[in-house]
């Protein structure tokens, strides 16, 4: 069962679960009883439902529910953290007293009564999932399976999944702030296995897929998007049958708009999270207000994109989210800050404090990381390359935050020969250094696309949903490694 969107005043959802204003005051007092500098209470009630179809059979239909509260107490840059899966008042106070152990000196503070702050709504929902029958979900995945088989007789196996979730969070602060947010989510995936004649006349068996995700209800799956989900999954799979691996070497690389932003997220974005810079781990730690890229390059991390998987109305510390300009016309202007890093730098947080659940402490995290459009037509960028590759989709990668070195696995793409797209290629390692790759971007397209995929970002053992996007760009030189 999906969690219904709260309809009462902010704070009333958890009040109905016994977390009254009086309880909140007592927990805050317990958290600050040893005189910490600050604290936050993070309440969470979440529910998720998933349907999975494999080999013509719905072999999984499940619902998971999570309920609890985490409390963090800060004393300088030291953090005490505890959580409770029991919302009984004494259990909450016990967790708060445990977290308070980090602080030992200052006198307890007076705690004002929490008052709700007004939030925007960056993910309006028309058809909430709590009103959608499981039979509707089952029919949707069956339809996608049949549509995939019908598209091409080389498709031999189809795996389909549909999931939805809703989470109500409430963040309470000792300065009187109370922020309650309802966060919907949905994700669908189609994965195909195809068998056909390869470029050398051999029988080739390949698997690939496509997924889409957003903070939305059933309305997200309008007919056009459902059709794109299935057709892209099938076409990407069939693409691999005809593709080969290119010759390795160092060459110009053109990154296609949309999915290529995984490189932007991993190789560049993490280095701009403020905790890595506060600890002097990131290569960008001493680059503030310095030129780090071509003046065509502007990068933002935006929590306000309507319906995006990475959007949030308020961060997990109770601060309003925003559009944070990280790089402006090639110049580094900001990091992504939570309250701990913002206090270190003496600035305001950017609404980037995020956590996986009430069991985890918040830290600076990306939301929707986007490179904005530049002046060039995408065709002009391709025509500028005499010999190189064009990257369409990626499957995974690894990055060293400190040095910025990365290796990404390009799943599908094309050779570029004499300024034109040539033969299809697959299974290519793209190797480079994030800051160097950023500096080598010398053409930025005017076709920004925020990818609709169900991206999840991992950091320090925590996973959070994110989005990413970019226009077509040319990197003057990267190392390309193929099977040959």
Protein backbone atom coordinates (compact mmCIF):
# COMPACT_ATOMS: atom_id res chain seq x y z
CA UNK A 1 0.00 0.00 0.00
CA UNK A 2 1.36 3.42 -0.95
CA UNK A 3 1.39 6.19 1.63
CA UNK A 4 -1.23 8.83 1.02
CA UNK A 5 -0.22 12.43 0.55
CA UNK A 6 -0.78 14.38 3.81
CA UNK A 7 -3.74 16.72 3.60
CA UNK A 8 -3.55 18.38 7.00
CA UNK A 9 -1.20 21.11 8.23
CA UNK A 10 2.53 20.41 8.23
CA UNK A 11 3.43 18.16 11.14
CA UNK A 12 -0.02 16.62 11.44
CA UNK A 13 1.01 13.40 9.66
CA UNK A 14 3.39 12.31 12.41
CA UNK A 15 1.18 13.83 15.10
CA UNK A 16 -1.40 11.22 14.06
CA UNK A 17 1.29 8.61 14.81
CA UNK A 18 1.73 9.97 18.34
CA UNK A 19 4.55 12.44 17.64
CA UNK A 20 2.87 15.51 19.10
CA UNK A 21 4.34 18.95 19.64
CA UNK A 22 4.89 18.05 23.30
CA UNK A 23 6.82 14.92 22.29
CA UNK A 24 8.94 16.89 19.83
CA UNK A 25 9.82 19.46 22.49
CA UNK A 26 10.88 16.75 24.92
CA UNK A 27 13.04 14.98 22.31
CA UNK A 28 14.72 18.23 21.27
CA UNK A 29 15.47 19.03 24.92
CA UNK A 30 16.97 15.57 25.38
CA UNK A 31 19.11 16.03 22.26
CA UNK A 32 20.43 19.40 23.50
CA UNK A 33 20.65 18.38 27.15
CA UNK A 34 24.46 18.35 27.13
CA UNK A 35 24.74 21.61 25.26
CA UNK A 36 25.47 20.67 21.66
CA UNK A 37 25.78 23.43 19.08
CA UNK A 38 22.80 22.18 17.07
CA UNK A 39 20.67 19.13 16.35
CA UNK A 40 18.04 17.81 13.98
CA UNK A 41 15.30 15.21 14.23
CA UNK A 42 14.50 13.34 11.04
CA UNK A 43 11.26 11.32 10.97
CA UNK A 44 10.46 9.02 8.09
CA UNK A 45 7.53 6.84 7.04
CA UNK A 46 7.98 5.19 3.66
CA UNK A 47 6.28 2.53 1.61
CA UNK A 48 7.25 0.94 -1.70
CA UNK A 49 5.51 -1.50 -4.03
CA UNK A 50 7.11 -3.41 -6.88
CA UNK A 51 5.95 -5.82 -9.58
CA UNK A 52 8.46 -7.90 -11.54
CA UNK A 53 7.72 -10.03 -14.61
CA UNK A 54 10.20 -12.58 -15.96
CA UNK A 55 9.68 -15.34 -18.55
CA UNK A 56 6.03 -14.46 -18.94
CA UNK A 57 5.29 -14.77 -15.22
CA UNK A 58 4.80 -12.15 -12.54
CA UNK A 59 7.17 -13.72 -10.04
CA UNK A 60 7.37 -10.86 -7.57
CA UNK A 61 4.83 -8.46 -6.13
CA UNK A 62 5.87 -6.95 -2.84
CA UNK A 63 5.40 -4.03 -0.50
CA UNK A 64 7.91 -2.72 2.03
CA UNK A 65 7.24 -0.25 4.85
CA UNK A 66 9.80 1.70 6.90
CA UNK A 67 9.15 3.84 9.96
CA UNK A 68 11.56 5.55 12.33
CA UNK A 69 13.43 8.62 13.53
CA UNK A 70 17.10 9.62 13.46
CA UNK A 71 18.61 12.30 15.69
CA UNK A 72 21.89 14.09 15.09
CA UNK A 73 23.68 16.31 17.58
CA UNK A 74 26.59 18.50 16.47
CA UNK A 75 29.36 19.84 18.67
CA UNK A 76 31.78 21.74 16.45
CA UNK A 77 32.61 19.35 13.63
CA UNK A 78 31.88 16.29 15.77
CA UNK A 79 28.59 14.47 15.26
CA UNK A 80 26.62 12.17 17.54
CA UNK A 81 23.93 10.10 15.84
CA UNK A 82 21.32 7.60 16.94
CA UNK A 83 18.03 6.31 15.57
CA UNK A 84 14.92 4.51 16.70
CA UNK A 85 12.51 2.29 14.80
CA UNK A 86 10.02 2.86 17.62
CA UNK A 87 8.16 6.19 17.72
CA UNK A 88 7.15 5.79 21.37
CA UNK A 89 8.13 9.00 23.20
CA UNK A 90 10.60 7.35 25.58
CA UNK A 91 12.30 5.48 22.72
CA UNK A 92 12.74 8.78 20.88
CA UNK A 93 14.14 10.51 23.97
CA UNK A 94 16.55 7.62 24.57
CA UNK A 95 17.92 7.97 21.03
CA UNK A 96 18.24 11.73 21.55
CA UNK A 97 20.16 11.28 24.82
CA UNK A 98 22.50 8.81 23.07
CA UNK A 99 23.29 11.29 20.28
CA UNK A 100 23.74 14.05 22.88
CA UNK A 101 26.75 12.20 24.30
CA UNK A 102 28.99 13.89 21.74
CA UNK A 103 28.58 17.21 23.58
CA UNK A 104 29.92 17.66 27.10
CA UNK A 105 30.48 21.29 27.98
CA UNK A 106 28.00 24.08 27.19
CA UNK A 107 24.81 24.70 29.14
CA UNK A 108 21.49 23.39 27.73
CA UNK A 109 19.63 25.76 25.42
CA UNK A 110 16.01 26.87 25.54
CA UNK A 111 13.94 25.19 22.82
CA UNK A 112 11.09 27.08 21.08
CA UNK A 113 7.95 25.22 20.03
CA UNK A 114 8.40 23.89 16.47
CA UNK A 115 6.45 25.76 13.80
CA UNK A 116 5.90 24.56 10.24
CA UNK A 117 7.70 26.30 7.37
CA UNK A 118 6.02 26.62 3.98
CA UNK A 119 7.43 24.45 1.20
CA UNK A 120 7.17 24.61 -2.60
CA UNK A 121 5.91 21.60 -4.53
CA UNK A 122 8.38 20.46 -7.17
CA UNK A 123 6.55 17.16 -7.76
CA UNK A 124 2.80 17.65 -8.14
CA UNK A 125 0.97 14.33 -8.52
CA UNK A 126 -2.27 13.86 -10.46
CA UNK A 127 -2.89 10.12 -9.93
CA UNK A 128 -1.36 8.97 -6.64
CA UNK A 129 -0.17 5.36 -6.49
CA UNK A 130 -2.18 4.59 -3.35
CA UNK A 131 -5.27 4.72 -5.61
CA UNK A 132 -3.84 2.32 -8.22
CA UNK A 133 -4.82 -1.35 -7.95
CA UNK A 134 -2.13 -4.01 -8.11
CA UNK A 135 -4.00 -5.49 -11.08
CA UNK A 136 -3.34 -2.27 -13.01
CA UNK A 137 0.37 -2.57 -12.31
CA UNK A 138 0.39 -6.20 -13.41
CA UNK A 139 -1.36 -5.38 -16.67
CA UNK A 140 1.12 -2.62 -17.40
CA UNK A 141 4.17 -4.90 -17.13
CA UNK A 142 2.42 -7.58 -19.22
CA UNK A 143 1.68 -5.03 -21.94
CA UNK A 144 5.31 -3.88 -21.99
CA UNK A 145 6.54 -7.46 -22.28
CA UNK A 146 4.25 -8.22 -25.20
CA UNK A 147 5.12 -4.97 -26.95
CA UNK A 148 8.82 -5.82 -26.69
CA UNK A 149 8.34 -9.27 -28.21
CA UNK A 150 6.16 -7.83 -30.96
CA UNK A 151 8.75 -5.24 -31.98
CA UNK A 152 11.29 -7.78 -33.33
CA UNK A 153 11.38 -11.57 -33.53
CA UNK A 154 15.05 -11.58 -32.49
CA UNK A 155 13.95 -10.72 -28.95
CA UNK A 156 14.05 -14.00 -27.02
CA UNK A 157 13.59 -12.91 -23.41
CA UNK A 158 12.06 -9.91 -21.66
CA UNK A 159 12.29 -8.84 -18.02
CA UNK A 160 10.03 -6.04 -16.83
CA UNK A 161 9.65 -4.24 -13.52
CA UNK A 162 7.47 -1.44 -12.19
CA UNK A 163 7.91 0.12 -8.78
CA UNK A 164 6.44 3.04 -6.91
CA UNK A 165 7.14 4.53 -3.53
CA UNK A 166 6.06 7.32 -1.26
CA UNK A 167 7.89 8.76 1.70
CA UNK A 168 6.80 11.31 4.28
CA UNK A 169 9.69 12.97 6.07
CA UNK A 170 9.62 15.52 8.86
CA UNK A 171 12.68 17.50 9.92
CA UNK A 172 12.53 19.36 13.23
CA UNK A 173 15.19 21.83 14.41
CA UNK A 174 15.84 23.46 17.80
CA UNK A 175 15.48 26.92 16.24
CA UNK A 176 11.76 26.20 15.82
CA UNK A 177 11.72 24.98 12.22
CA UNK A 178 9.49 22.07 11.23
CA UNK A 179 9.44 20.87 7.61
CA UNK A 180 7.23 18.01 6.46
CA UNK A 181 7.55 16.73 2.90
CA UNK A 182 5.74 14.01 0.93
CA UNK A 183 8.06 12.48 -1.66
CA UNK A 184 6.59 10.27 -4.39
CA UNK A 185 8.67 8.15 -6.76
CA UNK A 186 8.15 5.71 -9.60
CA UNK A 187 10.49 3.68 -11.81
CA UNK A 188 10.00 1.25 -14.70
CA UNK A 189 12.50 -0.97 -16.46
CA UNK A 190 12.47 -3.20 -19.54
CA UNK A 191 15.44 -5.47 -20.20
CA UNK A 192 15.70 -7.64 -23.30
CA UNK A 193 17.85 -10.49 -24.55
CA UNK A 194 18.19 -10.83 -28.32
CA UNK A 195 19.78 -13.37 -30.60
CA UNK A 196 20.83 -12.71 -34.18
CA UNK A 197 23.52 -12.77 -36.85
CA UNK A 198 26.56 -10.68 -35.92
CA UNK A 199 28.76 -8.59 -38.24
CA UNK A 200 31.05 -11.57 -38.93
CA UNK A 201 28.23 -14.01 -39.66
CA UNK A 202 28.32 -15.55 -36.18
CA UNK A 203 25.32 -16.03 -33.86
CA UNK A 204 25.38 -13.27 -31.26
CA UNK A 205 23.38 -13.14 -28.05
CA UNK A 206 23.14 -9.76 -26.30
CA UNK A 207 21.23 -8.17 -23.43
CA UNK A 208 20.45 -4.52 -22.79
CA UNK A 209 17.62 -2.41 -21.51
CA UNK A 210 16.18 0.97 -20.63
CA UNK A 211 14.55 2.47 -17.56
CA UNK A 212 12.67 5.63 -16.69
CA UNK A 213 11.93 7.27 -13.35
CA UNK A 214 10.49 10.39 -11.77
CA UNK A 215 8.70 11.84 -8.78
CA UNK A 216 5.19 11.33 -10.10
CA UNK A 217 2.05 9.22 -10.00
CA UNK A 218 0.45 6.99 -12.60
CA UNK A 219 0.15 9.97 -14.96
CA UNK A 220 3.90 9.70 -15.56
CA UNK A 221 3.28 6.68 -17.79
CA UNK A 222 1.47 8.40 -20.62
CA UNK A 223 1.34 6.38 -23.88
CA UNK A 224 4.30 8.16 -25.49
CA UNK A 225 6.58 7.48 -22.53
CA UNK A 226 5.49 3.83 -22.33
CA UNK A 227 6.20 3.41 -26.02
CA UNK A 228 9.63 5.02 -25.63
CA UNK A 229 10.43 2.74 -22.69
CA UNK A 230 9.80 -0.42 -24.72
CA UNK A 231 11.19 0.72 -28.05
CA UNK A 232 14.41 2.08 -26.56
CA UNK A 233 15.00 -1.15 -24.60
CA UNK A 234 14.51 -3.27 -27.72
CA UNK A 235 16.51 -1.00 -30.03
CA UNK A 236 19.45 -0.75 -27.64
CA UNK A 237 19.56 -4.53 -27.41
CA UNK A 238 19.41 -5.10 -31.16
CA UNK A 239 22.05 -2.39 -31.63
CA UNK A 240 24.59 -4.59 -29.84
CA UNK A 241 24.19 -7.46 -32.33
CA UNK A 242 25.59 -5.35 -35.17
CA UNK A 243 28.14 -3.40 -33.13
CA UNK A 244 31.87 -4.06 -32.78
CA UNK A 245 34.59 -2.80 -30.47
CA UNK A 246 36.81 0.01 -31.84
CA UNK A 247 40.57 0.24 -32.01
CA UNK A 248 42.00 1.61 -28.74
CA UNK A 249 43.84 4.91 -28.57
CA UNK A 250 43.61 8.56 -27.57
CA UNK A 251 41.09 10.50 -29.63
CA UNK A 252 38.31 13.12 -29.61
CA UNK A 253 35.15 11.94 -27.90
CA UNK A 254 31.67 13.37 -28.44
CA UNK A 255 29.25 12.75 -25.58
CA UNK A 256 25.59 12.57 -26.58
CA UNK A 257 23.01 14.71 -24.81
CA UNK A 258 21.30 13.10 -21.82
CA UNK A 259 22.70 9.77 -20.58
CA UNK A 260 26.34 10.83 -21.02
CA UNK A 261 25.84 13.04 -17.98
CA UNK A 262 26.76 10.01 -15.86
CA UNK A 263 30.35 11.08 -16.61
CA UNK A 264 29.52 14.62 -15.48
CA UNK A 265 27.98 13.28 -12.27
CA UNK A 266 30.73 10.86 -11.32
CA UNK A 267 33.94 12.33 -12.70
CA UNK A 268 33.17 15.97 -11.90
CA UNK A 269 30.12 16.31 -9.63
CA UNK A 270 31.41 14.37 -6.63
CA UNK A 271 34.53 16.50 -6.55
CA UNK A 272 32.30 19.55 -6.00
CA UNK A 273 30.58 18.14 -2.91
CA UNK A 274 31.78 20.31 -0.05
CA UNK A 275 32.77 17.59 2.41
CA UNK A 276 35.47 16.34 0.04
CA UNK A 277 36.77 19.90 -0.25
CA UNK A 278 36.51 20.66 3.48
CA UNK A 279 38.69 17.59 4.09
CA UNK A 280 41.06 18.63 1.26
CA UNK A 281 40.36 15.37 -0.61
CA UNK A 282 38.94 16.88 -3.79
CA UNK A 283 41.18 18.22 -6.51
CA UNK A 284 38.88 21.31 -6.53
CA UNK A 285 39.68 22.20 -2.89
CA UNK A 286 41.86 25.17 -3.86
CA UNK A 287 40.11 26.12 -7.11
CA UNK A 288 37.28 28.39 -5.89
CA UNK A 289 36.77 31.33 -8.29
CA UNK A 290 39.43 29.91 -10.60
CA UNK A 291 38.88 29.03 -14.24
CA UNK A 292 38.57 25.24 -14.54
CA UNK A 293 36.80 24.88 -17.89
CA UNK A 294 36.05 26.49 -21.24
CA UNK A 295 33.82 29.56 -20.91
CA UNK A 296 31.05 27.63 -22.69
CA UNK A 297 30.72 25.37 -19.62
CA UNK A 298 28.15 26.15 -16.93
CA UNK A 299 27.23 23.39 -14.46
CA UNK A 300 24.42 23.56 -11.91
CA UNK A 301 23.05 21.23 -9.28
CA UNK A 302 19.32 21.85 -9.16
CA UNK A 303 16.86 20.45 -6.64
CA UNK A 304 13.89 22.29 -8.14
CA UNK A 305 13.34 20.57 -11.53
CA UNK A 306 9.65 19.65 -11.63
CA UNK A 307 9.10 15.90 -11.36
CA UNK A 308 12.80 15.00 -11.62
CA UNK A 309 13.99 11.95 -9.72
CA UNK A 310 16.64 14.04 -7.95
CA UNK A 311 14.37 16.92 -6.93
CA UNK A 312 13.44 17.66 -3.32
CA UNK A 313 11.18 20.32 -1.81
CA UNK A 314 13.39 20.57 1.27
CA UNK A 315 16.66 18.88 2.10
CA UNK A 316 17.11 16.35 4.90
CA UNK A 317 18.34 19.01 7.31
CA UNK A 318 15.22 21.16 6.87
CA UNK A 319 16.73 23.70 4.46
CA UNK A 320 15.04 24.87 1.27
CA UNK A 321 16.48 23.36 -1.87
CA UNK A 322 17.73 25.59 -4.66
CA UNK A 323 19.48 25.85 -8.01
CA UNK A 324 23.18 25.95 -7.13
CA UNK A 325 25.56 27.25 -9.79
CA UNK A 326 28.76 25.23 -9.42
CA UNK A 327 30.62 26.35 -12.53
CA UNK A 328 29.72 29.61 -14.29
CA UNK A 329 31.21 30.18 -17.75
CA UNK A 330 34.13 27.97 -16.83
CA UNK A 331 34.77 29.45 -13.35
CA UNK A 332 34.20 27.42 -10.14
CA UNK A 333 31.65 29.40 -8.10
CA UNK A 334 30.31 27.08 -5.40
CA UNK A 335 30.41 23.65 -3.83
CA UNK A 336 27.33 21.69 -2.73
CA UNK A 337 26.96 22.32 1.02
CA UNK A 338 25.23 20.71 3.93
CA UNK A 339 25.16 22.57 7.26
CA UNK A 340 28.44 21.12 8.52
CA UNK A 341 30.43 22.25 5.50
CA UNK A 342 28.56 25.56 5.26
CA UNK A 343 29.53 26.35 8.86
CA UNK A 344 33.15 25.49 8.06
CA UNK A 345 33.18 27.91 5.10
CA UNK A 346 31.07 30.56 6.86
CA UNK A 347 28.27 30.54 4.26
CA UNK A 348 24.68 29.38 3.96
CA UNK A 349 23.95 25.73 3.09
CA UNK A 350 22.78 25.09 -0.47
CA UNK A 351 19.99 22.67 0.48
CA UNK A 352 22.21 19.73 -0.45
CA UNK A 353 22.14 17.83 2.86
CA UNK A 354 20.72 14.40 1.99
CA UNK A 355 20.53 10.98 3.60
CA UNK A 356 19.36 7.52 2.55
CA UNK A 357 17.02 7.06 5.53
CA UNK A 358 16.52 7.85 9.19
CA UNK A 359 19.32 5.38 9.92
CA UNK A 360 21.90 7.62 8.23
CA UNK A 361 23.51 11.02 8.82
CA UNK A 362 23.07 13.70 6.16
CA UNK A 363 25.98 14.77 3.96
CA UNK A 364 26.45 16.95 0.85
CA UNK A 365 24.93 15.12 -2.10
CA UNK A 366 23.97 15.90 -5.67
CA UNK A 367 20.32 16.32 -6.67
CA UNK A 368 19.97 16.99 -10.43
CA UNK A 369 23.40 17.79 -11.86
CA UNK A 370 23.20 19.50 -15.23
CA UNK A 371 25.54 21.13 -17.73
CA UNK A 372 23.63 23.94 -19.41
CA UNK A 373 23.34 24.42 -23.16
CA UNK A 374 26.07 26.13 -25.13
CA UNK A 375 26.26 27.81 -28.55
CA UNK A 376 26.83 24.88 -30.93
CA UNK A 377 24.46 22.77 -33.00
CA UNK A 378 25.01 19.05 -32.28
CA UNK A 379 25.60 18.32 -35.98
CA UNK A 380 28.31 20.99 -36.02
CA UNK A 381 30.07 19.21 -33.15
CA UNK A 382 30.06 15.84 -34.93
CA UNK A 383 31.22 17.44 -38.18
CA UNK A 384 34.21 18.94 -36.36
CA UNK A 385 35.67 15.48 -35.60
CA UNK A 386 37.69 13.77 -38.31
CA UNK A 387 38.21 10.54 -36.38
CA UNK A 388 36.80 9.71 -32.96
CA UNK A 389 33.81 8.18 -31.22
CA UNK A 390 30.30 9.27 -30.28
CA UNK A 391 29.09 7.94 -26.91
CA UNK A 392 25.36 7.28 -26.53
CA UNK A 393 24.89 5.25 -23.33
CA UNK A 394 26.97 4.07 -20.38
CA UNK A 395 26.53 1.17 -17.99
CA UNK A 396 28.96 1.77 -15.10
CA UNK A 397 32.20 3.38 -14.05
CA UNK A 398 34.72 4.01 -11.29
CA UNK A 399 36.15 7.32 -10.05
CA UNK A 400 38.90 8.30 -7.63
CA UNK A 401 37.62 11.46 -5.95
CA UNK A 402 41.00 12.73 -4.77
CA UNK A 403 42.83 12.59 -8.09
CA UNK A 404 39.78 12.65 -10.33
CA UNK A 405 40.86 9.63 -12.40
CA UNK A 406 37.95 7.73 -13.94
CA UNK A 407 37.09 4.76 -16.10
CA UNK A 408 33.63 4.45 -17.67
CA UNK A 409 32.10 1.64 -19.66
CA UNK A 410 30.32 2.89 -22.75
CA UNK A 411 27.63 0.41 -23.77
CA UNK A 412 26.54 1.89 -27.11
CA UNK A 413 27.94 4.46 -29.51
CA UNK A 414 29.30 5.09 -33.01
CA UNK A 415 32.57 5.72 -34.72
CA UNK A 416 32.96 9.21 -36.14
CA UNK A 417 34.68 9.19 -39.51
CA UNK A 418 35.26 12.35 -41.55
CA UNK A 419 32.69 14.29 -39.56
CA UNK A 420 29.91 11.70 -39.92
CA UNK A 421 28.53 8.98 -37.68
CA UNK A 422 29.87 5.62 -38.86
CA UNK A 423 29.70 2.02 -37.68
CA UNK A 424 28.01 1.12 -34.37
CA UNK A 425 30.38 0.30 -31.51
CA UNK A 426 29.96 -1.26 -28.07
CA UNK A 427 31.82 -2.30 -24.92
CA UNK A 428 34.26 0.64 -24.81
CA UNK A 429 36.21 1.86 -21.81
CA UNK A 430 36.57 5.63 -21.60
CA UNK A 431 39.54 6.51 -19.42
CA UNK A 432 40.61 9.93 -18.19
CA UNK A 433 40.81 12.45 -15.40
CA UNK A 434 37.73 14.46 -14.38
CA UNK A 435 39.29 17.92 -14.11
CA UNK A 436 41.35 17.34 -17.25
CA UNK A 437 38.29 16.11 -19.16
CA UNK A 438 36.35 19.15 -17.98
CA UNK A 439 39.14 21.43 -19.19
CA UNK A 440 39.19 19.62 -22.56
CA UNK A 441 35.51 20.25 -23.31
CA UNK A 442 35.85 22.70 -26.19
CA UNK A 443 32.39 22.59 -27.81
CA UNK A 444 29.05 22.60 -25.97
CA UNK A 445 25.80 21.90 -27.81
CA UNK A 446 22.51 23.76 -27.60
CA UNK A 447 20.48 20.57 -26.97
CA UNK A 448 20.46 20.12 -23.18
CA UNK A 449 18.52 17.01 -22.16
CA UNK A 450 17.90 15.91 -18.59
CA UNK A 451 17.98 12.12 -18.68
CA UNK A 452 14.82 10.35 -17.50
CA UNK A 453 16.65 7.26 -16.21
CA UNK A 454 16.36 5.89 -12.70
CA UNK A 455 19.81 6.94 -11.51
CA UNK A 456 20.92 6.20 -7.95
CA UNK A 457 24.07 7.69 -6.41
CA UNK A 458 26.16 5.85 -3.85
CA UNK A 459 28.46 7.56 -1.35
CA UNK A 460 29.87 6.37 1.99
CA UNK A 461 27.46 3.43 2.05
CA UNK A 462 24.37 5.55 1.35
CA UNK A 463 22.24 5.59 -1.80
CA UNK A 464 19.95 8.43 -2.88
CA UNK A 465 17.96 9.07 -6.09
CA UNK A 466 19.49 11.60 -8.48
CA UNK A 467 19.02 13.04 -11.95
CA UNK A 468 21.55 14.34 -14.44
CA UNK A 469 21.64 15.98 -17.82
CA UNK A 470 23.83 17.63 -20.39
CA UNK A 471 23.88 18.76 -24.02
CA UNK A 472 26.09 17.21 -26.70
CA UNK A 473 29.71 18.10 -25.95
CA UNK A 474 33.10 17.48 -27.53
CA UNK A 475 36.06 16.46 -25.39
CA UNK A 476 39.18 17.13 -27.43
CA UNK A 477 40.99 14.01 -26.22
CA UNK A 478 40.29 10.95 -24.04
CA UNK A 479 41.77 7.47 -23.89
CA UNK A 480 39.50 4.90 -25.55
CA UNK A 481 40.01 1.23 -24.76
CA UNK A 482 38.22 -1.48 -26.76
CA UNK A 483 38.33 -5.27 -26.81
CA UNK A 484 40.99 -5.13 -29.52
